[in-house]
Amino acid sequence: MAEATANSGPHAATGEEEAPQAPPRVTLSERMLRIGVPVGMFALAILAWHFYVVINEVPHYILPSPAAVASSLWNDWGTLSPALLVTVRITFTALFLALVGGVGLAIILVQSRWIELALFPFAVILQVTPIIAIAPLLLIYAPDTQTALLICAFLVAFFPILSNMVQGLKSVDHNLLNLFDLYGASRWQTLVYLKLPASLPYFMAGLRIGGGLALIAAVVAEFAAGSAGAGSGLAFRLLESQYRLNIPRLFAALVLLTATGVAIFGLTSLISWLTLRRWHESAVRREN
């Protein structure tokens, strides 16, 4: 009787199974709102900045207007763009090395509890030590300034990726681990086909955090190094503009740094969404 009741649904009579519902689509108006609201608020903030400077007649050496900053960005592009390329190169190189080192060390750490107890404290020490205190030492021991800046950026971006990856590798469902053991999967097969895919959301979170921290560390390390010349980055241009009271150029360099950080966050978020959008709850759109 219970079986008859369970099978008496609208689809039971025809013998058809209910098809899975497709995820809800984003309408054009909703997409426009997602883009329009942030852009509109940004435009209002720039207008408020402009009217504040104009109404109060604030001197440009205290607070330049948005037009003065845009003019400086255009006129000084030949000076700022090479510095931007240096900072971006250091940031992405450090992020790549942090990805390789963080993922590789995380895989090693989860293989044995004793290895984790032996090595993980060193990673914590490097993380909690202020980068501004390490930079002068690296300038002494590194072969050149660019290498010292790269090491500083690497150390800051390394720990979030390592920590998230270790947590992801440890967060695999134990029932799935038992299933792999039941079918006689090797440790390598369990790592490749179960642990690494399951840890992808944690890895993507570490990637987003590490990308921003690599840029911050590159700038802070250059402040500490005080490097100048053709190979200097945007941090030196900030200091140079401050010393010369060229505040519009200082703001232009800040705009470039901010835009670079936003671009890195957008790129890492896009990579995360493309990787997780078809299967993980953090990227799947819900109806409510």
C-alpha atoms as a PDB file:
ATOM      1  CA  MET A   1       0.000   0.000   0.000  1.00  0.00           C
ATOM      2  CA  ALA A   2       2.803   2.374   0.881  1.00  0.00           C
ATOM      3  CA  GLU A   3       4.529   1.565  -2.379  1.00  0.00           C
ATOM      4  CA  ALA A   4       1.358   2.265  -4.318  1.00  0.00           C
ATOM      5  CA  THR A   5       0.968   5.599  -2.566  1.00  0.00           C
ATOM      6  CA  ALA A   6       4.614   6.525  -3.206  1.00  0.00           C
ATOM      7  CA  ASN A   7       4.305   5.713  -6.896  1.00  0.00           C
ATOM      8  CA  SER A   8       0.977   7.414  -7.457  1.00  0.00           C
ATOM      9  CA  GLY A   9       2.400  10.867  -8.299  1.00  0.00           C
ATOM     10  CA  PRO A  10       1.656  12.706 -11.529  1.00  0.00           C
ATOM     11  CA  HIS A  11       4.774  11.337 -13.209  1.00  0.00           C
ATOM     12  CA  ALA A  12       4.246   7.751 -12.034  1.00  0.00           C
ATOM     13  CA  ALA A  13       1.344   7.116 -14.400  1.00  0.00           C
ATOM     14  CA  THR A  14       3.402   7.920 -17.454  1.00  0.00           C
ATOM     15  CA  GLY A  15       6.564   6.275 -16.146  1.00  0.00           C
ATOM     16  CA  GLU A  16       8.553   9.460 -16.736  1.00  0.00           C
ATOM     17  CA  GLU A  17      11.094  10.858 -14.312  1.00  0.00           C
ATOM     18  CA  GLU A  18      10.959  14.490 -13.372  1.00  0.00           C
ATOM     19  CA  ALA A  19      13.602  16.416 -15.298  1.00  0.00           C
ATOM     20  CA  PRO A  20      16.022  18.515 -13.248  1.00  0.00           C
ATOM     21  CA  GLN A  21      15.195  22.192 -13.261  1.00  0.00           C
ATOM     22  CA  ALA A  22      17.590  24.500 -15.045  1.00  0.00           C
ATOM     23  CA  PRO A  23      19.223  27.222 -12.956  1.00  0.00           C
ATOM     24  CA  PRO A  24      17.393  30.558 -13.150  1.00  0.00           C
ATOM     25  CA  ARG A  25      18.700  32.944 -15.764  1.00  0.00           C
ATOM     26  CA  VAL A  26      19.747  36.489 -15.049  1.00  0.00           C
ATOM     27  CA  THR A  27      17.529  38.959 -16.889  1.00  0.00           C
ATOM     28  CA  LEU A  28      18.904  41.894 -18.857  1.00  0.00           C
ATOM     29  CA  SER A  29      17.456  44.433 -16.428  1.00  0.00           C
ATOM     30  CA  GLU A  30      19.082  42.659 -13.480  1.00  0.00           C
ATOM     31  CA  ARG A  31      22.438  42.671 -15.251  1.00  0.00           C
ATOM     32  CA  MET A  32      22.081  46.373 -15.964  1.00  0.00           C
ATOM     33  CA  LEU A  33      21.302  47.020 -12.306  1.00  0.00           C
ATOM     34  CA  ARG A  34      24.359  45.037 -11.180  1.00  0.00           C
ATOM     35  CA  ILE A  35      26.551  47.198 -13.396  1.00  0.00           C
ATOM     36  CA  GLY A  36      24.655  50.471 -13.144  1.00  0.00           C
ATOM     37  CA  VAL A  37      24.421  50.723  -9.354  1.00  0.00           C
ATOM     38  CA  PRO A  38      28.189  50.461  -8.639  1.00  0.00           C
ATOM     39  CA  VAL A  39      29.052  52.709 -11.598  1.00  0.00           C
ATOM     40  CA  GLY A  40      26.464  55.267 -10.526  1.00  0.00           C
ATOM     41  CA  MET A  41      27.743  55.346  -6.942  1.00  0.00           C
ATOM     42  CA  PHE A  42      31.303  55.728  -8.215  1.00  0.00           C
ATOM     43  CA  ALA A  43      30.266  58.632 -10.439  1.00  0.00           C
ATOM     44  CA  LEU A  44      28.448  60.302  -7.526  1.00  0.00           C
ATOM     45  CA  ALA A  45      31.574  59.977  -5.364  1.00  0.00           C
ATOM     46  CA  ILE A  46      33.699  61.652  -8.065  1.00  0.00           C
ATOM     47  CA  LEU A  47      31.138  64.444  -8.447  1.00  0.00           C
ATOM     48  CA  ALA A  48      31.075  65.002  -4.677  1.00  0.00           C
ATOM     49  CA  TRP A  49      34.887  65.155  -4.678  1.00  0.00           C
ATOM     50  CA  HIS A  50      34.864  67.667  -7.553  1.00  0.00           C
ATOM     51  CA  PHE A  51      32.254  69.975  -6.005  1.00  0.00           C
ATOM     52  CA  TYR A  52      33.977  69.874  -2.626  1.00  0.00           C
ATOM     53  CA  VAL A  53      37.258  71.046  -4.180  1.00  0.00           C
ATOM     54  CA  VAL A  54      35.563  73.731  -6.301  1.00  0.00           C
ATOM     55  CA  ILE A  55      33.213  75.118  -3.649  1.00  0.00           C
ATOM     56  CA  ASN A  56      35.845  75.251  -0.910  1.00  0.00           C
ATOM     57  CA  GLU A  57      38.611  76.366  -3.312  1.00  0.00           C
ATOM     58  CA  VAL A  58      40.982  73.716  -1.998  1.00  0.00           C
ATOM     59  CA  PRO A  59      44.533  74.207  -3.364  1.00  0.00           C
ATOM     60  CA  HIS A  60      45.727  71.475  -5.708  1.00  0.00           C
ATOM     61  CA  TYR A  61      48.762  70.765  -3.497  1.00  0.00           C
ATOM     62  CA  ILE A  62      46.374  69.730  -0.695  1.00  0.00           C
ATOM     63  CA  LEU A  63      43.583  67.999  -2.604  1.00  0.00           C
ATOM     64  CA  PRO A  64      43.578  68.066  -6.406  1.00  0.00           C
ATOM     65  CA  SER A  65      40.347  67.889  -8.344  1.00  0.00           C
ATOM     66  CA  PRO A  66      39.437  64.779 -10.377  1.00  0.00           C
ATOM     67  CA  ALA A  67      40.173  66.771 -13.539  1.00  0.00           C
ATOM     68  CA  ALA A  68      43.679  67.601 -12.279  1.00  0.00           C
ATOM     69  CA  VAL A  69      44.311  63.951 -11.445  1.00  0.00           C
ATOM     70  CA  ALA A  70      43.106  62.853 -14.883  1.00  0.00           C
ATOM     71  CA  SER A  71      45.306  65.500 -16.517  1.00  0.00           C
ATOM     72  CA  SER A  72      48.328  64.347 -14.529  1.00  0.00           C
ATOM     73  CA  LEU A  73      47.586  60.734 -15.427  1.00  0.00           C
ATOM     74  CA  TRP A  74      47.566  61.683 -19.105  1.00  0.00           C
ATOM     75  CA  ASN A  75      50.602  63.974 -19.037  1.00  0.00           C
ATOM     76  CA  ASP A  76      52.749  61.756 -16.797  1.00  0.00           C
ATOM     77  CA  TRP A  77      51.810  58.464 -18.435  1.00  0.00           C
ATOM     78  CA  GLY A  78      55.302  58.105 -19.847  1.00  0.00           C
ATOM     79  CA  THR A  79      56.686  58.154 -16.305  1.00  0.00           C
ATOM     80  CA  LEU A  80      53.956  56.180 -14.547  1.00  0.00           C
ATOM     81  CA  SER A  81      53.416  53.381 -17.066  1.00  0.00           C
ATOM     82  CA  PRO A  82      56.933  51.847 -16.795  1.00  0.00           C
ATOM     83  CA  ALA A  83      56.618  51.948 -13.004  1.00  0.00           C
ATOM     84  CA  LEU A  84      53.214  50.270 -13.266  1.00  0.00           C
ATOM     85  CA  LEU A  85      54.684  47.482 -15.404  1.00  0.00           C
ATOM     86  CA  VAL A  86      57.410  46.878 -12.807  1.00  0.00           C
ATOM     87  CA  THR A  87      54.883  46.619  -9.974  1.00  0.00           C
ATOM     88  CA  VAL A  88      52.552  44.367 -11.983  1.00  0.00           C
ATOM     89  CA  ARG A  89      55.429  42.080 -12.998  1.00  0.00           C
ATOM     90  CA  ILE A  90      56.584  41.675  -9.404  1.00  0.00           C
ATOM     91  CA  THR A  91      53.008  41.079  -8.225  1.00  0.00           C
ATOM     92  CA  PHE A  92      52.132  38.383 -10.737  1.00  0.00           C
ATOM     93  CA  THR A  93      55.498  36.670 -10.480  1.00  0.00           C
ATOM     94  CA  ALA A  94      55.172  36.532  -6.698  1.00  0.00           C
ATOM     95  CA  LEU A  95      51.587  35.285  -6.982  1.00  0.00           C
ATOM     96  CA  PHE A  96      52.614  32.519  -9.389  1.00  0.00           C
ATOM     97  CA  LEU A  97      55.438  31.399  -7.115  1.00  0.00           C
ATOM     98  CA  ALA A  98      53.079  31.526  -4.127  1.00  0.00           C
ATOM     99  CA  LEU A  99      50.577  29.340  -5.979  1.00  0.00           C
ATOM    100  CA  VAL A 100      53.182  26.765  -6.889  1.00  0.00           C
ATOM    101  CA  GLY A 101      54.831  26.783  -3.480  1.00  0.00           C
ATOM    102  CA  GLY A 102      51.600  26.964  -1.471  1.00  0.00           C
ATOM    103  CA  VAL A 103      49.855  24.133  -3.301  1.00  0.00           C
ATOM    104  CA  GLY A 104      52.976  21.966  -3.381  1.00  0.00           C
ATOM    105  CA  LEU A 105      53.718  22.405   0.317  1.00  0.00           C
ATOM    106  CA  ALA A 106      50.069  21.864   1.236  1.00  0.00           C
ATOM    107  CA  ILE A 107      50.064  18.516  -0.564  1.00  0.00           C
ATOM    108  CA  ILE A 108      53.212  17.538   1.312  1.00  0.00           C
ATOM    109  CA  LEU A 109      51.824  18.638   4.683  1.00  0.00           C
ATOM    110  CA  VAL A 110      48.598  16.627   4.450  1.00  0.00           C
ATOM    111  CA  GLN A 111      50.453  13.407   3.645  1.00  0.00           C
ATOM    112  CA  SER A 112      51.713  13.058   7.195  1.00  0.00           C
ATOM    113  CA  ARG A 113      50.759  14.574  10.528  1.00  0.00           C
ATOM    114  CA  TRP A 114      54.420  14.616  11.554  1.00  0.00           C
ATOM    115  CA  ILE A 115      55.450  16.573   8.459  1.00  0.00           C
ATOM    116  CA  GLU A 116      52.737  19.133   9.182  1.00  0.00           C
ATOM    117  CA  LEU A 117      53.861  19.518  12.795  1.00  0.00           C
ATOM    118  CA  ALA A 118      57.460  19.975  11.654  1.00  0.00           C
ATOM    119  CA  LEU A 119      56.995  22.454   8.798  1.00  0.00           C
ATOM    120  CA  PHE A 120      53.783  24.401   9.387  1.00  0.00           C
ATOM    121  CA  PRO A 121      55.176  26.514  12.298  1.00  0.00           C
ATOM    122  CA  PHE A 122      57.827  27.959   9.969  1.00  0.00           C
ATOM    123  CA  ALA A 123      55.098  29.122   7.591  1.00  0.00           C
ATOM    124  CA  VAL A 124      53.236  30.719  10.494  1.00  0.00           C
ATOM    125  CA  ILE A 125      56.394  32.538  11.636  1.00  0.00           C
ATOM    126  CA  LEU A 126      56.927  33.973   8.165  1.00  0.00           C
ATOM    127  CA  GLN A 127      53.298  35.085   8.057  1.00  0.00           C
ATOM    128  CA  VAL A 128      53.131  36.848  11.434  1.00  0.00           C
ATOM    129  CA  THR A 129      56.483  38.636  11.046  1.00  0.00           C
ATOM    130  CA  PRO A 130      55.826  42.144   9.605  1.00  0.00           C
ATOM    131  CA  ILE A 131      57.074  42.428   6.060  1.00  0.00           C
ATOM    132  CA  ILE A 132      58.415  45.905   6.807  1.00  0.00           C
ATOM    133  CA  ALA A 133      60.832  44.275   9.271  1.00  0.00           C
ATOM    134  CA  ILE A 134      61.978  41.584   6.820  1.00  0.00           C
ATOM    135  CA  ALA A 135      62.565  43.890   3.858  1.00  0.00           C
ATOM    136  CA  PRO A 136      65.814  45.509   5.129  1.00  0.00           C
ATOM    137  CA  LEU A 137      67.332  42.082   5.753  1.00  0.00           C
ATOM    138  CA  LEU A 138      66.353  40.871   2.304  1.00  0.00           C
ATOM    139  CA  LEU A 139      67.984  43.936   0.782  1.00  0.00           C
ATOM    140  CA  ILE A 140      71.229  42.822   2.440  1.00  0.00           C
ATOM    141  CA  TYR A 141      71.107  39.151   1.491  1.00  0.00           C
ATOM    142  CA  ALA A 142      69.308  39.255  -1.876  1.00  0.00           C
ATOM    143  CA  PRO A 143      71.479  39.691  -4.993  1.00  0.00           C
ATOM    144  CA  ASP A 144      69.524  42.776  -6.142  1.00  0.00           C
ATOM    145  CA  THR A 145      66.608  44.980  -5.132  1.00  0.00           C
ATOM    146  CA  GLN A 146      64.109  43.420  -7.542  1.00  0.00           C
ATOM    147  CA  THR A 147      64.740  39.970  -6.074  1.00  0.00           C
ATOM    148  CA  ALA A 148      64.233  41.333  -2.560  1.00  0.00           C
ATOM    149  CA  LEU A 149      60.910  42.900  -3.577  1.00  0.00           C
ATOM    150  CA  LEU A 150      59.846  39.639  -5.212  1.00  0.00           C
ATOM    151  CA  ILE A 151      60.649  37.626  -2.080  1.00  0.00           C
ATOM    152  CA  CYS A 152      58.680  40.065   0.092  1.00  0.00           C
ATOM    153  CA  ALA A 153      55.622  39.833  -2.128  1.00  0.00           C
ATOM    154  CA  PHE A 154      55.953  36.042  -2.284  1.00  0.00           C
ATOM    155  CA  LEU A 155      56.102  35.655   1.500  1.00  0.00           C
ATOM    156  CA  VAL A 156      52.936  37.686   2.037  1.00  0.00           C
ATOM    157  CA  ALA A 157      50.912  35.911  -0.681  1.00  0.00           C
ATOM    158  CA  PHE A 158      52.220  32.449   0.203  1.00  0.00           C
ATOM    159  CA  PHE A 159      50.559  31.792   3.559  1.00  0.00           C
ATOM    160  CA  PRO A 160      46.874  32.450   2.601  1.00  0.00           C
ATOM    161  CA  ILE A 161      47.201  30.046  -0.316  1.00  0.00           C
ATOM    162  CA  LEU A 162      48.953  27.433   1.828  1.00  0.00           C
ATOM    163  CA  SER A 163      46.473  27.750   4.694  1.00  0.00           C
ATOM    164  CA  ASN A 164      43.390  27.561   2.478  1.00  0.00           C
ATOM    165  CA  MET A 165      44.787  24.669   0.485  1.00  0.00           C
ATOM    166  CA  VAL A 166      45.626  22.670   3.604  1.00  0.00           C
ATOM    167  CA  GLN A 167      42.139  23.305   4.963  1.00  0.00           C
ATOM    168  CA  GLY A 168      40.595  22.242   1.659  1.00  0.00           C
ATOM    169  CA  LEU A 169      42.574  19.022   1.460  1.00  0.00           C
ATOM    170  CA  LYS A 170      41.516  18.187   5.021  1.00  0.00           C
ATOM    171  CA  SER A 171      37.842  18.968   4.444  1.00  0.00           C
ATOM    172  CA  VAL A 172      37.095  16.053   2.130  1.00  0.00           C
ATOM    173  CA  ASP A 173      34.011  14.046   3.082  1.00  0.00           C
ATOM    174  CA  HIS A 174      35.117  11.029   5.098  1.00  0.00           C
ATOM    175  CA  ASN A 175      32.458   8.888   3.454  1.00  0.00           C
ATOM    176  CA  LEU A 176      34.052   9.556   0.078  1.00  0.00           C
ATOM    177  CA  LEU A 177      37.467   8.735   1.501  1.00  0.00           C
ATOM    178  CA  ASN A 178      36.101   5.430   2.802  1.00  0.00           C
ATOM    179  CA  LEU A 179      34.567   4.745  -0.607  1.00  0.00           C
ATOM    180  CA  PHE A 180      37.924   5.263  -2.331  1.00  0.00           C
ATOM    181  CA  ASP A 181      39.558   2.954   0.220  1.00  0.00           C
ATOM    182  CA  LEU A 182      36.852   0.388  -0.387  1.00  0.00           C
ATOM    183  CA  TYR A 183      37.602   0.337  -4.104  1.00  0.00           C
ATOM    184  CA  GLY A 184      41.340   0.071  -3.454  1.00  0.00           C
ATOM    185  CA  ALA A 185      42.362   3.495  -4.739  1.00  0.00           C
ATOM    186  CA  SER A 186      45.983   4.403  -4.209  1.00  0.00           C
ATOM    187  CA  ARG A 187      47.056   7.499  -2.288  1.00  0.00           C
ATOM    188  CA  TRP A 188      47.906   9.211  -5.571  1.00  0.00           C
ATOM    189  CA  GLN A 189      44.510   8.407  -7.093  1.00  0.00           C
ATOM    190  CA  THR A 190      42.734   9.655  -3.974  1.00  0.00           C
ATOM    191  CA  LEU A 191      44.705  12.887  -4.136  1.00  0.00           C
ATOM    192  CA  VAL A 192      44.136  13.536  -7.856  1.00  0.00           C
ATOM    193  CA  TYR A 193      40.521  12.402  -8.204  1.00  0.00           C
ATOM    194  CA  LEU A 194      39.086  13.337  -4.807  1.00  0.00           C
ATOM    195  CA  LYS A 195      41.131  15.656  -2.586  1.00  0.00           C
ATOM    196  CA  LEU A 196      42.306  18.155  -5.188  1.00  0.00           C
ATOM    197  CA  PRO A 197      38.866  18.656  -6.811  1.00  0.00           C
ATOM    198  CA  ALA A 198      37.224  18.921  -3.376  1.00  0.00           C
ATOM    199  CA  SER A 199      39.720  21.566  -2.278  1.00  0.00           C
ATOM    200  CA  LEU A 200      39.134  23.827  -5.302  1.00  0.00           C
ATOM    201  CA  PRO A 201      36.749  26.247  -3.472  1.00  0.00           C
ATOM    202  CA  TYR A 202      39.330  26.745  -0.727  1.00  0.00           C
ATOM    203  CA  PHE A 203      42.075  27.202  -3.294  1.00  0.00           C
ATOM    204  CA  MET A 204      40.060  29.842  -5.134  1.00  0.00           C
ATOM    205  CA  ALA A 205      39.478  31.732  -1.896  1.00  0.00           C
ATOM    206  CA  GLY A 206      43.214  31.687  -1.229  1.00  0.00           C
ATOM    207  CA  LEU A 207      43.882  32.856  -4.779  1.00  0.00           C
ATOM    208  CA  ARG A 208      41.642  35.907  -4.374  1.00  0.00           C
ATOM    209  CA  ILE A 209      43.250  36.808  -1.062  1.00  0.00           C
ATOM    210  CA  GLY A 210      46.790  36.146  -2.264  1.00  0.00           C
ATOM    211  CA  GLY A 211      46.365  38.272  -5.392  1.00  0.00           C
ATOM    212  CA  GLY A 212      45.542  41.403  -3.412  1.00  0.00           C
ATOM    213  CA  LEU A 213      48.176  40.731  -0.773  1.00  0.00           C
ATOM    214  CA  ALA A 214      50.888  40.244  -3.397  1.00  0.00           C
ATOM    215  CA  LEU A 215      50.219  43.742  -4.756  1.00  0.00           C
ATOM    216  CA  ILE A 216      50.166  45.264  -1.264  1.00  0.00           C
ATOM    217  CA  ALA A 217      53.407  43.518  -0.317  1.00  0.00           C
ATOM    218  CA  ALA A 218      55.147  44.640  -3.508  1.00  0.00           C
ATOM    219  CA  VAL A 219      54.281  48.271  -2.751  1.00  0.00           C
ATOM    220  CA  VAL A 220      55.155  48.065   0.963  1.00  0.00           C
ATOM    221  CA  ALA A 221      58.463  46.340   0.210  1.00  0.00           C
ATOM    222  CA  GLU A 222      59.387  49.053  -2.257  1.00  0.00           C
ATOM    223  CA  PHE A 223      58.577  51.692   0.357  1.00  0.00           C
ATOM    224  CA  ALA A 224      60.966  49.940   2.721  1.00  0.00           C
ATOM    225  CA  ALA A 225      63.622  49.460   0.051  1.00  0.00           C
ATOM    226  CA  GLY A 226      63.455  53.017  -1.224  1.00  0.00           C
ATOM    227  CA  SER A 227      64.537  51.820  -4.660  1.00  0.00           C
ATOM    228  CA  ALA A 228      64.866  54.369  -7.437  1.00  0.00           C
ATOM    229  CA  GLY A 229      65.897  54.527 -11.048  1.00  0.00           C
ATOM    230  CA  ALA A 230      64.631  52.853 -14.186  1.00  0.00           C
ATOM    231  CA  GLY A 231      63.573  49.683 -12.387  1.00  0.00           C
ATOM    232  CA  SER A 232      61.468  51.381  -9.732  1.00  0.00           C
ATOM    233  CA  GLY A 233      57.765  50.723  -9.326  1.00  0.00           C
ATOM    234  CA  LEU A 234      54.773  52.853  -8.479  1.00  0.00           C
ATOM    235  CA  ALA A 235      55.700  53.022  -4.792  1.00  0.00           C
ATOM    236  CA  PHE A 236      58.783  55.079  -5.613  1.00  0.00           C
ATOM    237  CA  ARG A 237      56.705  57.359  -7.855  1.00  0.00           C
ATOM    238  CA  LEU A 238      54.384  57.930  -4.894  1.00  0.00           C
ATOM    239  CA  LEU A 239      57.299  58.931  -2.683  1.00  0.00           C
ATOM    240  CA  GLU A 240      58.831  61.067  -5.430  1.00  0.00           C
ATOM    241  CA  SER A 241      55.557  62.917  -5.968  1.00  0.00           C
ATOM    242  CA  GLN A 242      55.212  63.494  -2.238  1.00  0.00           C
ATOM    243  CA  TYR A 243      58.715  64.930  -1.926  1.00  0.00           C
ATOM    244  CA  ARG A 244      58.133  67.255  -4.881  1.00  0.00           C
ATOM    245  CA  LEU A 245      54.621  68.207  -3.677  1.00  0.00           C
ATOM    246  CA  ASN A 246      53.275  66.989  -7.012  1.00  0.00           C
ATOM    247  CA  ILE A 247      50.022  65.830  -5.419  1.00  0.00           C
ATOM    248  CA  PRO A 248      48.098  65.342  -8.700  1.00  0.00           C
ATOM    249  CA  ARG A 249      50.734  62.826  -9.836  1.00  0.00           C
ATOM    250  CA  LEU A 250      50.586  61.155  -6.416  1.00  0.00           C
ATOM    251  CA  PHE A 251      46.835  60.727  -6.805  1.00  0.00           C
ATOM    252  CA  ALA A 252      47.340  59.470 -10.366  1.00  0.00           C
ATOM    253  CA  ALA A 253      49.729  56.788  -9.080  1.00  0.00           C
ATOM    254  CA  LEU A 254      47.181  55.872  -6.395  1.00  0.00           C
ATOM    255  CA  VAL A 255      44.499  55.535  -9.065  1.00  0.00           C
ATOM    256  CA  LEU A 256      46.728  53.166 -11.036  1.00  0.00           C
ATOM    257  CA  LEU A 257      47.434  51.066  -7.944  1.00  0.00           C
ATOM    258  CA  THR A 258      43.741  50.911  -7.076  1.00  0.00           C
ATOM    259  CA  ALA A 259      42.787  49.986 -10.639  1.00  0.00           C
ATOM    260  CA  THR A 260      45.444  47.261 -10.641  1.00  0.00           C
ATOM    261  CA  GLY A 261      44.117  45.824  -7.381  1.00  0.00           C
ATOM    262  CA  VAL A 262      40.542  45.864  -8.668  1.00  0.00           C
ATOM    263  CA  ALA A 263      41.658  44.195 -11.911  1.00  0.00           C
ATOM    264  CA  ILE A 264      43.486  41.458  -9.992  1.00  0.00           C
ATOM    265  CA  PHE A 265      40.445  40.839  -7.794  1.00  0.00           C
ATOM    266  CA  GLY A 266      38.170  40.764 -10.841  1.00  0.00           C
ATOM    267  CA  LEU A 267      40.457  38.350 -12.676  1.00  0.00           C
ATOM    268  CA  THR A 268      40.756  35.957  -9.734  1.00  0.00           C
ATOM    269  CA  SER A 269      37.002  36.160  -9.104  1.00  0.00           C
ATOM    270  CA  LEU A 270      36.330  35.353 -12.765  1.00  0.00           C
ATOM    271  CA  ILE A 271      38.663  32.350 -12.609  1.00  0.00           C
ATOM    272  CA  SER A 272      36.897  31.176  -9.450  1.00  0.00           C
ATOM    273  CA  TRP A 273      33.461  31.573 -11.022  1.00  0.00           C
ATOM    274  CA  LEU A 274      34.427  29.762 -14.224  1.00  0.00           C
ATOM    275  CA  THR A 275      35.865  26.894 -12.199  1.00  0.00           C
ATOM    276  CA  LEU A 276      33.038  26.476  -9.692  1.00  0.00           C
ATOM    277  CA  ARG A 277      29.925  27.716 -11.461  1.00  0.00           C
ATOM    278  CA  ARG A 278      28.669  24.321 -12.605  1.00  0.00           C
ATOM    279  CA  TRP A 279      28.933  22.363  -9.379  1.00  0.00           C
ATOM    280  CA  HIS A 280      29.739  24.290  -6.198  1.00  0.00           C
ATOM    281  CA  GLU A 281      27.131  25.996  -4.048  1.00  0.00           C
ATOM    282  CA  SER A 282      29.178  29.181  -3.679  1.00  0.00           C
ATOM    283  CA  ALA A 283      28.897  29.894  -7.422  1.00  0.00           C
ATOM    284  CA  VAL A 284      25.522  28.324  -8.312  1.00  0.00           C
ATOM    285  CA  ARG A 285      22.741  30.877  -8.590  1.00  0.00           C
ATOM    286  CA  ARG A 286      19.752  30.211  -6.328  1.00  0.00           C
ATOM    287  CA  GLU A 287      16.121  31.005  -7.046  1.00  0.00           C
ATOM    288  CA  ASN A 288      15.592  32.834  -3.743  1.00  0.00           C
END
